[in-house]
Every structure is written in C-alpha cells, then in structure tokens.
Amino acid sequence: MTKYYRPFHIISPSIWPLVMSINLFTLATGLISWFQNYRMSFTLTIVGALFVTFTLLFWLRDVVKESAYLGYHTLLVQMGLKLGFYLFVVSEVFVFFSVFWAFFYASLSPNVEIGCVFPSVGITAFDPWSVPLLNTVILLTSGVSLTWAHRSTVKKNRLETIVGLGITLILGLIFTMFQVLEYREATFTITDSIYGATFFSATGLHGLHVIVGTLLLFAQFFRVFNYEISNHRHLGFELSILYWHFVDIVWLFLFVSIYYWSY
C-alpha cells in the first residue's frame, strides 16, 4: 500500500477550545454584571480573566510542542497560521473601527441631551499632555525595544533578544499600571453619557489588547530562555511582534482622537 505524505497534520483532540469558550463567557458575564453594579461581579470578572490567561498559556504550550518538539509545523502550515493571524488582525481593525465610528458620530454631532457639546456638560476630559502623552512615549519605546529584540534574534544574538524582550515586557506592565491609575483618577464613569461610554470602551478595549500582547510576549520570552527559538524558526515571535505593533498603532489613533480631540 502506498503511503502518501502531506505537508499538513491532523490536529489532536484538544479540550482548550471548549475551556476557552466557557472562560470567555464567564469573563463577559462578569464585565456586563460589573457595569450594572451587581454583587460579586468584580470577583467573577477577575476569575474569568485569570482562567482565560491560564487557558491561553496552556493552549500556547501545546502549539509550541507541536511546532518545536514534534516538527508538525511545515512551511505550508506556517503559511496557514500566518494567514489566519493576519485575518484575525483585520477583524480587530474592524472592532476598533466601530468604536471610533461611535466616538466621532457623537463628537461631530452632539445631541441636545448632552448639552450640544462634546464632552458632555459636567465632564472634564483628561489632559492629553500628561499621563496619555507619557503612555504614548512608553508604548512607542516598547515597540522600538521589541524591534531590537527581533533583529537580535535574526542575528543570533540571544542576550540582546532577552534584554529587548525584557524591556518591552517591563514597559508594557508600566503602561498598564498608568492606565489603571488614570481610571482611578477619572471624574466620570462608563455610564456618564456617550463620552464616558466611548472613552472607557476604546481605552479599555485597547488596554485588554495590551494585556494579551504582554502575555504573548511573556510566552515568547520563556521560549527564548529555553532555546526554543532560532534565527530561522520563530513564527510565534513574529506574530506576537505584529500584534504588539498593531496595539501601538491603535494607541496613536486613540491619543489623537479620544484624548487630544476631546480636550
């Protein structure tokens, strides 16, 4: 009997898609309940976020095992993964496009109910030249350090790759910390008219992407530390870099529109 060799592999049965869907549903339920000030909603949100994080890490572990140790990710498989990730980024672009559409629709033609001004009457917008500008510098600097880490990987300089990735992770955590502090100092909430809704929807959605990007880069940092990435085989690292640069670009649009435009 002739045995046919194919460049693709049949994925083994995995429980992670089912677990991830349940955890995402838990996280979404917690967030919606939190917006409505229901009891235990914050705890449910934290539990959902933690479960999503751990599920993502374990799922990535299995994918890395298929690629680095079992050798299932041939060139054609890598091309398919790239295409899938590019389409995912495109879908993310449309998600943010919808948020920006709502923001500009409200800001260019404010209704009578909010005083015919934007931001609404009684809402003081953030000064864009304080924490938002600092966060912009931090995020753009992290993009530079990440590009440095990628070039170091191509040049087989493992030490510089680790240093560049470490700097990027630290800057990502600092950005998230400043974002949380900014939320704590806000004089309005997500329920304060259309401005509060669009502001927290846009910045919160971006903050969630920063957290996910930080987790992806942390996984790549662990792989570099374990010698699982080489100069000619680091697809996961490249896709994580693409995701992080996408987050950088979205933040520039956020800074110009949500912060500067509204001030």
Protein backbone atom coordinates (compact mmCIF):
# COMPACT_ATOMS: atom_id res chain seq x y z
CA MET A 1 0.00 0.00 0.00
CA THR A 2 1.36 3.40 -0.97
CA LYS A 3 1.77 5.84 1.88
CA TYR A 4 1.09 9.47 1.00
CA TYR A 5 2.94 12.22 2.83
CA ARG A 6 1.18 15.53 3.21
CA PRO A 7 2.54 18.86 4.42
CA PHE A 8 -0.33 19.23 6.89
CA HIS A 9 -1.03 17.38 10.11
CA ILE A 10 -4.31 16.37 11.73
CA ILE A 11 -4.68 18.30 14.96
CA SER A 12 -5.04 16.08 18.01
CA PRO A 13 -8.28 16.38 20.01
CA SER A 14 -7.94 19.26 22.48
CA ILE A 15 -10.06 20.43 25.37
CA TRP A 16 -8.74 24.00 25.24
CA PRO A 17 -11.26 25.43 22.70
CA LEU A 18 -14.16 24.32 24.90
CA VAL A 19 -12.47 25.55 28.08
CA MET A 20 -11.60 28.89 26.48
CA SER A 21 -15.20 29.45 25.31
CA ILE A 22 -16.51 28.78 28.82
CA ASN A 23 -13.93 31.10 30.38
CA LEU A 24 -14.64 33.87 27.86
CA PHE A 25 -18.34 33.57 28.61
CA THR A 26 -17.53 33.86 32.33
CA LEU A 27 -15.39 36.93 31.70
CA ALA A 28 -18.05 38.60 29.54
CA THR A 29 -20.74 37.85 32.13
CA GLY A 30 -18.57 39.35 34.85
CA LEU A 31 -17.89 42.51 32.86
CA ILE A 32 -21.56 43.07 31.98
CA SER A 33 -22.56 42.47 35.61
CA TRP A 34 -19.83 44.85 36.76
CA PHE A 35 -21.19 47.61 34.53
CA GLN A 36 -24.60 47.10 36.19
CA ASN A 37 -23.13 47.11 39.74
CA TYR A 38 -24.29 43.58 40.54
CA ARG A 39 -22.93 41.81 43.61
CA MET A 40 -19.84 39.61 43.17
CA SER A 41 -19.46 40.91 39.61
CA PHE A 42 -15.88 42.11 40.16
CA THR A 43 -14.88 38.74 41.60
CA LEU A 44 -16.47 36.97 38.63
CA THR A 45 -14.56 39.23 36.24
CA ILE A 46 -11.23 38.55 37.94
CA VAL A 47 -11.87 34.80 37.98
CA GLY A 48 -12.81 34.83 34.30
CA ALA A 49 -9.71 36.86 33.38
CA LEU A 50 -7.41 34.51 35.30
CA PHE A 51 -8.95 31.41 33.75
CA VAL A 52 -8.66 32.93 30.26
CA THR A 53 -4.99 33.73 30.95
CA PHE A 54 -4.11 30.25 32.16
CA THR A 55 -6.05 28.60 29.32
CA LEU A 56 -4.22 30.76 26.78
CA LEU A 57 -0.83 29.82 28.24
CA PHE A 58 -1.61 26.09 28.30
CA TRP A 59 -3.01 26.24 24.77
CA LEU A 60 0.12 28.00 23.54
CA ARG A 61 2.19 25.34 25.29
CA ASP A 62 0.54 22.63 23.18
CA VAL A 63 1.03 24.63 19.98
CA VAL A 64 4.72 25.12 20.81
CA LYS A 65 5.02 21.39 21.46
CA GLU A 66 3.59 20.62 18.01
CA SER A 67 5.99 23.08 16.39
CA ALA A 68 9.30 22.92 18.27
CA TYR A 69 9.34 19.33 19.51
CA LEU A 70 7.15 17.30 17.16
CA GLY A 71 8.02 19.22 13.99
CA TYR A 72 4.45 19.33 12.67
CA HIS A 73 4.60 22.94 11.53
CA THR A 74 5.91 22.67 7.99
CA LEU A 75 6.29 25.67 5.70
CA LEU A 76 2.74 25.31 4.40
CA VAL A 77 1.38 25.00 7.94
CA GLN A 78 3.26 28.17 8.88
CA MET A 79 1.77 29.95 5.87
CA GLY A 80 -1.69 28.93 7.02
CA LEU A 81 -1.00 30.16 10.55
CA LYS A 82 0.24 33.48 9.19
CA LEU A 83 -2.85 33.92 7.03
CA GLY A 84 -5.13 33.08 9.94
CA PHE A 85 -3.37 35.58 12.18
CA TYR A 86 -3.49 38.30 9.50
CA LEU A 87 -7.24 37.77 9.17
CA PHE A 88 -7.54 37.95 12.96
CA VAL A 89 -5.75 41.32 12.96
CA VAL A 90 -8.08 42.55 10.21
CA SER A 91 -11.08 41.57 12.35
CA GLU A 92 -9.53 43.52 15.24
CA VAL A 93 -9.20 46.56 12.98
CA PHE A 94 -12.93 46.47 12.30
CA VAL A 95 -13.68 46.13 16.02
CA PHE A 96 -11.77 49.32 16.78
CA PHE A 97 -13.23 50.97 13.69
CA SER A 98 -16.71 50.51 15.16
CA VAL A 99 -15.63 52.14 18.43
CA PHE A 100 -14.06 55.09 16.61
CA TRP A 101 -17.18 55.40 14.48
CA ALA A 102 -19.34 55.74 17.59
CA PHE A 103 -16.93 58.28 19.07
CA PHE A 104 -16.77 60.56 16.03
CA TYR A 105 -20.51 60.24 15.41
CA ALA A 106 -21.15 61.56 18.92
CA SER A 107 -18.40 64.19 18.90
CA LEU A 108 -19.12 65.73 15.48
CA SER A 109 -22.87 65.99 16.07
CA PRO A 110 -23.59 66.13 19.82
CA ASN A 111 -27.25 65.79 20.76
CA VAL A 112 -29.34 68.15 22.85
CA GLU A 113 -29.49 65.57 25.63
CA ILE A 114 -25.76 66.04 26.32
CA GLY A 115 -25.85 69.83 26.02
CA CYS A 116 -24.90 70.04 22.33
CA VAL A 117 -21.23 69.88 23.37
CA PHE A 118 -18.66 67.12 23.48
CA PRO A 119 -17.56 66.06 26.06
CA SER A 120 -20.92 66.33 27.72
CA VAL A 121 -21.76 69.08 30.17
CA GLY A 122 -20.23 68.34 33.58
CA ILE A 123 -17.46 66.05 32.27
CA THR A 124 -13.83 67.11 32.45
CA ALA A 125 -11.67 65.34 29.89
CA PHE A 126 -8.14 64.18 30.64
CA ASP A 127 -5.22 66.43 29.81
CA PRO A 128 -3.59 64.71 26.80
CA TRP A 129 -0.17 66.18 27.64
CA SER A 130 0.14 64.44 30.99
CA VAL A 131 -0.34 60.69 31.54
CA PRO A 132 -1.66 59.98 28.00
CA LEU A 133 1.46 61.52 26.45
CA LEU A 134 3.67 59.58 28.87
CA ASN A 135 1.87 56.36 27.95
CA THR A 136 2.38 57.18 24.28
CA VAL A 137 6.14 57.52 24.80
CA ILE A 138 6.20 54.28 26.81
CA LEU A 139 4.31 52.29 24.21
CA LEU A 140 6.33 53.62 21.26
CA THR A 141 9.56 52.90 23.15
CA SER A 142 8.38 49.35 23.76
CA GLY A 143 7.89 48.96 20.00
CA VAL A 144 11.49 50.06 19.43
CA SER A 145 12.87 47.63 22.02
CA LEU A 146 10.76 44.82 20.55
CA THR A 147 12.08 45.53 17.04
CA TRP A 148 15.59 45.44 18.50
CA ALA A 149 14.84 42.04 20.06
CA HIS A 150 13.60 40.73 16.72
CA ARG A 151 16.68 41.92 14.84
CA SER A 152 18.86 40.37 17.53
CA THR A 153 17.06 37.05 17.02
CA VAL A 154 17.76 37.16 13.29
CA LYS A 155 21.43 37.95 14.03
CA LYS A 156 21.63 35.05 16.55
CA ASN A 157 22.33 37.38 19.47
CA ARG A 158 20.44 35.66 22.27
CA LEU A 159 21.48 38.06 25.04
CA GLU A 160 20.20 41.15 23.21
CA THR A 161 16.99 39.30 22.36
CA ILE A 162 16.38 38.58 26.05
CA VAL A 163 17.22 42.17 27.05
CA GLY A 164 14.99 43.67 24.35
CA LEU A 165 12.08 41.41 25.23
CA GLY A 166 12.56 42.12 28.93
CA ILE A 167 12.48 45.88 28.35
CA THR A 168 9.31 45.51 26.26
CA LEU A 169 7.58 43.47 28.96
CA ILE A 170 8.50 45.98 31.67
CA LEU A 171 7.25 48.90 29.56
CA GLY A 172 4.03 47.04 28.80
CA LEU A 173 3.41 46.48 32.52
CA ILE A 174 4.18 50.15 33.27
CA PHE A 175 1.72 51.23 30.57
CA THR A 176 -0.99 49.05 32.10
CA MET A 177 -0.24 50.40 35.57
CA PHE A 178 -0.56 54.02 34.41
CA GLN A 179 -3.81 53.14 32.62
CA VAL A 180 -5.25 51.72 35.84
CA LEU A 181 -4.14 54.77 37.82
CA GLU A 182 -5.74 57.02 35.19
CA TYR A 183 -9.02 55.15 35.57
CA ARG A 184 -8.87 55.59 39.34
CA GLU A 185 -8.39 59.35 38.94
CA ALA A 186 -11.19 59.75 36.39
CA THR A 187 -14.01 62.11 37.37
CA PHE A 188 -16.52 60.22 35.20
CA THR A 189 -17.52 56.61 34.62
CA ILE A 190 -18.60 54.47 31.68
CA THR A 191 -22.25 55.33 32.46
CA ASP A 192 -21.68 59.11 32.17
CA SER A 193 -23.22 59.89 28.77
CA ILE A 194 -21.83 58.90 25.40
CA TYR A 195 -18.40 60.33 26.19
CA GLY A 196 -17.87 58.07 29.19
CA ALA A 197 -19.15 55.07 27.23
CA THR A 198 -16.89 55.65 24.21
CA PHE A 199 -13.86 56.65 26.29
CA PHE A 200 -13.84 53.57 28.50
CA SER A 201 -14.88 51.28 25.65
CA ALA A 202 -12.00 52.44 23.45
CA THR A 203 -9.26 52.70 26.08
CA GLY A 204 -10.47 49.62 27.95
CA LEU A 205 -10.54 47.53 24.79
CA HIS A 206 -7.05 48.73 23.94
CA GLY A 207 -5.87 48.02 27.48
CA LEU A 208 -7.19 44.47 27.15
CA HIS A 209 -5.17 44.07 23.95
CA VAL A 210 -2.07 45.36 25.74
CA ILE A 211 -2.55 42.72 28.44
CA VAL A 212 -2.99 39.97 25.83
CA GLY A 213 0.07 41.21 23.94
CA THR A 214 2.09 41.21 27.15
CA LEU A 215 1.08 37.59 27.79
CA LEU A 216 2.08 36.60 24.26
CA LEU A 217 5.46 38.29 24.61
CA PHE A 218 5.95 36.69 28.02
CA ALA A 219 5.41 33.29 26.40
CA GLN A 220 7.99 34.19 23.72
CA PHE A 221 10.42 35.35 26.43
CA PHE A 222 10.07 31.96 28.10
CA ARG A 223 10.69 30.22 24.76
CA VAL A 224 13.82 32.27 24.08
CA PHE A 225 15.07 31.45 27.56
CA ASN A 226 14.54 27.72 26.86
CA TYR A 227 16.30 27.83 23.47
CA GLU A 228 13.07 27.10 21.60
CA ILE A 229 13.51 29.96 19.10
CA SER A 230 16.13 30.16 16.38
CA ASN A 231 17.04 32.77 13.80
CA HIS A 232 15.20 30.90 11.03
CA ARG A 233 12.28 29.45 13.00
CA HIS A 234 10.42 31.93 15.18
CA LEU A 235 6.95 32.30 13.67
CA GLY A 236 5.25 32.73 17.04
CA PHE A 237 7.65 35.52 17.91
CA GLU A 238 6.99 37.29 14.59
CA LEU A 239 3.22 37.10 15.04
CA SER A 240 3.49 38.39 18.62
CA ILE A 241 5.55 41.32 17.32
CA LEU A 242 2.92 42.05 14.66
CA TYR A 243 0.21 42.05 17.34
CA TRP A 244 2.20 44.43 19.54
CA HIS A 245 2.84 46.88 16.70
CA PHE A 246 -0.88 46.78 15.90
CA VAL A 247 -1.55 47.77 19.52
CA ASP A 248 0.95 50.64 19.14
CA ILE A 249 -0.76 51.98 16.02
CA VAL A 250 -4.22 51.79 17.62
CA TRP A 251 -2.95 53.76 20.60
CA LEU A 252 -1.76 56.58 18.33
CA PHE A 253 -5.28 56.86 16.92
CA LEU A 254 -6.65 56.76 20.47
CA PHE A 255 -4.35 59.50 21.65
CA VAL A 256 -5.20 61.81 18.76
CA SER A 257 -8.97 61.22 18.84
CA ILE A 258 -10.05 60.18 22.35
CA TYR A 259 -7.61 62.39 24.26
CA TYR A 260 -6.48 65.29 22.05
CA TRP A 261 -9.69 65.76 20.05
CA SER A 262 -11.86 65.83 23.18
CA TYR A 263 -9.69 68.11 25.26
